[in-house]
Amino acid sequence: MLIVKSLSQHLVELAQIIINAGALEPLVLCLDEFDPSIKEAATFALGHIAKHNENLARQVVEVRAVDYSLLLCLQ
């Protein structure tokens, strides 16, 4: 998890590779974990991916990561 978080923040190409590898859905599932450090790492990884450009942000939104994160915050 921490590796995905670290890789996703540096280059748009690395963020795209992470998406192409199918990591978005597992990252969203990690938002439901009991351990807060896992939730935090997944949230940061999704945020790092989304901040690169509009296309990557759209892909993060399409897997409903934003909806899930907001729901968790409200709980």
N, C-alpha and C. Protein backbone atom coordinates (compact mmCIF):
# COMPACT_ATOMS: atom_id res chain seq x y z
N MET A 1 0.82 -1.18 0.00
CA MET A 1 0.00 0.00 0.00
C MET A 1 0.87 1.25 0.00
N LEU A 2 1.87 1.28 0.84
CA LEU A 2 2.73 2.46 0.92
C LEU A 2 3.53 2.66 -0.36
N ILE A 3 3.86 1.57 -1.03
CA ILE A 3 4.58 1.68 -2.29
C ILE A 3 3.70 2.33 -3.35
N VAL A 4 2.45 1.91 -3.42
CA VAL A 4 1.50 2.51 -4.37
C VAL A 4 1.35 3.99 -4.06
N LYS A 5 1.24 4.33 -2.79
CA LYS A 5 1.12 5.73 -2.38
C LYS A 5 2.35 6.51 -2.82
N SER A 6 3.52 5.98 -2.59
CA SER A 6 4.76 6.66 -2.95
C SER A 6 4.93 6.81 -4.46
N LEU A 7 4.65 5.76 -5.18
CA LEU A 7 4.80 5.82 -6.63
C LEU A 7 3.81 6.77 -7.29
N SER A 8 2.60 6.81 -6.78
CA SER A 8 1.56 7.60 -7.42
C SER A 8 1.78 9.10 -7.32
N GLN A 9 2.61 9.54 -6.39
CA GLN A 9 2.76 10.97 -6.21
C GLN A 9 3.82 11.60 -7.11
N HIS A 10 4.68 10.82 -7.73
CA HIS A 10 5.82 11.41 -8.42
C HIS A 10 5.56 11.75 -9.88
N LEU A 11 5.16 10.80 -10.66
CA LEU A 11 5.01 11.04 -12.10
C LEU A 11 3.64 10.59 -12.59
N VAL A 12 3.13 11.33 -13.54
CA VAL A 12 1.84 10.97 -14.12
C VAL A 12 1.91 9.60 -14.79
N GLU A 13 3.07 9.27 -15.35
CA GLU A 13 3.23 7.97 -16.00
C GLU A 13 3.12 6.83 -14.99
N LEU A 14 3.70 7.02 -13.82
CA LEU A 14 3.59 5.99 -12.78
C LEU A 14 2.16 5.86 -12.28
N ALA A 15 1.47 6.98 -12.15
CA ALA A 15 0.06 6.94 -11.74
C ALA A 15 -0.77 6.19 -12.78
N GLN A 16 -0.49 6.42 -14.05
CA GLN A 16 -1.23 5.73 -15.11
C GLN A 16 -0.92 4.24 -15.10
N ILE A 17 0.31 3.86 -14.82
CA ILE A 17 0.67 2.44 -14.73
C ILE A 17 -0.09 1.79 -13.58
N ILE A 18 -0.22 2.48 -12.48
CA ILE A 18 -0.97 1.95 -11.33
C ILE A 18 -2.43 1.71 -11.72
N ILE A 19 -3.01 2.66 -12.44
CA ILE A 19 -4.40 2.50 -12.91
C ILE A 19 -4.50 1.34 -13.88
N ASN A 20 -3.57 1.27 -14.84
CA ASN A 20 -3.60 0.20 -15.84
C ASN A 20 -3.45 -1.18 -15.19
N ALA A 21 -2.77 -1.23 -14.06
CA ALA A 21 -2.60 -2.50 -13.35
C ALA A 21 -3.86 -2.92 -12.59
N GLY A 22 -4.85 -2.04 -12.57
CA GLY A 22 -6.12 -2.37 -11.91
C GLY A 22 -6.12 -2.11 -10.42
N ALA A 23 -5.34 -1.13 -9.98
CA ALA A 23 -5.21 -0.88 -8.54
C ALA A 23 -6.29 0.03 -7.96
N LEU A 24 -7.08 0.70 -8.80
CA LEU A 24 -8.06 1.63 -8.25
C LEU A 24 -9.13 0.93 -7.41
N GLU A 25 -9.67 -0.16 -7.92
CA GLU A 25 -10.72 -0.86 -7.17
C GLU A 25 -10.21 -1.40 -5.84
N PRO A 26 -9.04 -2.03 -5.79
CA PRO A 26 -8.53 -2.46 -4.49
C PRO A 26 -8.25 -1.29 -3.54
N LEU A 27 -7.82 -0.15 -4.08
CA LEU A 27 -7.60 1.01 -3.23
C LEU A 27 -8.91 1.49 -2.61
N VAL A 28 -9.98 1.46 -3.39
CA VAL A 28 -11.29 1.85 -2.87
C VAL A 28 -11.74 0.86 -1.80
N LEU A 29 -11.48 -0.41 -2.01
CA LEU A 29 -11.84 -1.41 -1.00
C LEU A 29 -11.05 -1.20 0.30
N CYS A 30 -9.84 -0.70 0.18
CA CYS A 30 -9.02 -0.45 1.38
C CYS A 30 -9.61 0.68 2.23
N LEU A 31 -10.45 1.51 1.65
CA LEU A 31 -11.09 2.57 2.42
C LEU A 31 -12.04 2.02 3.47
N ASP A 32 -12.42 0.76 3.33
CA ASP A 32 -13.34 0.12 4.26
C ASP A 32 -12.62 -0.72 5.32
N GLU A 33 -11.29 -0.70 5.31
CA GLU A 33 -10.51 -1.48 6.27
C GLU A 33 -10.66 -0.91 7.69
N PHE A 34 -10.46 -1.76 8.66
CA PHE A 34 -10.54 -1.37 10.07
C PHE A 34 -9.35 -0.51 10.48
N ASP A 35 -8.18 -0.88 9.99
CA ASP A 35 -6.93 -0.20 10.36
C ASP A 35 -6.88 1.21 9.73
N PRO A 36 -6.81 2.25 10.55
CA PRO A 36 -6.79 3.61 10.02
C PRO A 36 -5.59 3.92 9.14
N SER A 37 -4.45 3.27 9.38
CA SER A 37 -3.28 3.53 8.54
C SER A 37 -3.48 3.03 7.12
N ILE A 38 -4.23 1.94 6.96
CA ILE A 38 -4.54 1.44 5.62
C ILE A 38 -5.49 2.41 4.92
N LYS A 39 -6.51 2.87 5.64
CA LYS A 39 -7.43 3.86 5.06
C LYS A 39 -6.68 5.11 4.62
N GLU A 40 -5.78 5.56 5.49
CA GLU A 40 -5.03 6.78 5.18
C GLU A 40 -4.15 6.60 3.95
N ALA A 41 -3.44 5.48 3.88
CA ALA A 41 -2.56 5.24 2.73
C ALA A 41 -3.36 5.15 1.44
N ALA A 42 -4.50 4.48 1.48
CA ALA A 42 -5.35 4.37 0.29
C ALA A 42 -5.89 5.73 -0.13
N THR A 43 -6.30 6.53 0.85
CA THR A 43 -6.82 7.86 0.54
C THR A 43 -5.74 8.73 -0.08
N PHE A 44 -4.54 8.71 0.49
CA PHE A 44 -3.45 9.48 -0.08
C PHE A 44 -3.09 9.01 -1.48
N ALA A 45 -3.05 7.69 -1.70
CA ALA A 45 -2.73 7.16 -3.03
C ALA A 45 -3.76 7.62 -4.06
N LEU A 46 -5.04 7.53 -3.72
CA LEU A 46 -6.08 7.98 -4.64
C LEU A 46 -5.96 9.48 -4.90
N GLY A 47 -5.66 10.23 -3.86
CA GLY A 47 -5.49 11.68 -4.03
C GLY A 47 -4.29 12.03 -4.89
N HIS A 48 -3.20 11.32 -4.69
CA HIS A 48 -2.00 11.57 -5.51
C HIS A 48 -2.26 11.24 -6.97
N ILE A 49 -2.98 10.17 -7.21
CA ILE A 49 -3.30 9.81 -8.60
C ILE A 49 -4.18 10.88 -9.22
N ALA A 50 -5.19 11.31 -8.49
CA ALA A 50 -6.16 12.26 -9.04
C ALA A 50 -5.57 13.64 -9.28
N LYS A 51 -4.56 14.03 -8.56
CA LYS A 51 -4.05 15.39 -8.68
C LYS A 51 -3.21 15.63 -9.93
N HIS A 52 -2.79 14.58 -10.61
CA HIS A 52 -1.91 14.75 -11.76
C HIS A 52 -2.57 15.47 -12.93
N ASN A 53 -3.74 15.00 -13.32
CA ASN A 53 -4.43 15.64 -14.44
C ASN A 53 -5.91 15.27 -14.43
N GLU A 54 -6.65 15.91 -15.31
CA GLU A 54 -8.10 15.71 -15.34
C GLU A 54 -8.49 14.29 -15.69
N ASN A 55 -7.77 13.66 -16.60
CA ASN A 55 -8.09 12.30 -17.01
C ASN A 55 -7.95 11.32 -15.85
N LEU A 56 -6.85 11.42 -15.12
CA LEU A 56 -6.65 10.53 -13.98
C LEU A 56 -7.67 10.81 -12.88
N ALA A 57 -7.98 12.08 -12.67
CA ALA A 57 -8.99 12.43 -11.67
C ALA A 57 -10.35 11.84 -12.03
N ARG A 58 -10.67 11.88 -13.31
CA ARG A 58 -11.95 11.31 -13.77
C ARG A 58 -11.99 9.81 -13.51
N GLN A 59 -10.88 9.14 -13.72
CA GLN A 59 -10.85 7.69 -13.49
C GLN A 59 -11.03 7.36 -12.00
N VAL A 60 -10.47 8.18 -11.14
CA VAL A 60 -10.64 7.97 -9.70
C VAL A 60 -12.11 8.19 -9.32
N VAL A 61 -12.71 9.21 -9.89
CA VAL A 61 -14.12 9.50 -9.59
C VAL A 61 -15.02 8.38 -10.13
N GLU A 62 -14.69 7.83 -11.29
CA GLU A 62 -15.51 6.78 -11.89
C GLU A 62 -15.57 5.50 -11.06
N VAL A 63 -14.56 5.24 -10.26
CA VAL A 63 -14.61 4.05 -9.39
C VAL A 63 -15.27 4.38 -8.06
N ARG A 64 -15.88 5.55 -7.98
CA ARG A 64 -16.66 6.02 -6.84
C ARG A 64 -15.81 6.18 -5.58
N ALA A 65 -14.53 6.46 -5.76
CA ALA A 65 -13.65 6.65 -4.62
C ALA A 65 -14.03 7.90 -3.83
N VAL A 66 -14.43 8.95 -4.53
CA VAL A 66 -14.78 10.20 -3.85
C VAL A 66 -16.05 10.00 -3.04
N ASP A 67 -17.04 9.35 -3.62
CA ASP A 67 -18.28 9.08 -2.89
C ASP A 67 -18.01 8.30 -1.61
N TYR A 68 -17.20 7.28 -1.73
CA TYR A 68 -16.89 6.42 -0.60
C TYR A 68 -16.12 7.19 0.47
N SER A 69 -15.16 8.00 0.06
CA SER A 69 -14.37 8.77 1.02
C SER A 69 -15.22 9.78 1.77
N LEU A 70 -16.12 10.44 1.06
CA LEU A 70 -16.99 11.42 1.70
C LEU A 70 -17.94 10.74 2.69
N LEU A 71 -18.44 9.58 2.33
CA LEU A 71 -19.31 8.84 3.22
C LEU A 71 -18.60 8.46 4.51
N LEU A 72 -17.36 8.01 4.39
CA LEU A 72 -16.56 7.67 5.57
C LEU A 72 -16.31 8.89 6.45
N CYS A 73 -16.05 10.02 5.82
CA CYS A 73 -15.82 11.23 6.60
C CYS A 73 -17.06 11.64 7.38
N LEU A 74 -18.21 11.47 6.78
CA LEU A 74 -19.46 11.86 7.44
C LEU A 74 -19.82 10.91 8.59
N GLN A 75 -19.37 9.67 8.52
CA GLN A 75 -19.66 8.73 9.59
C GLN A 75 -18.87 9.10 10.81
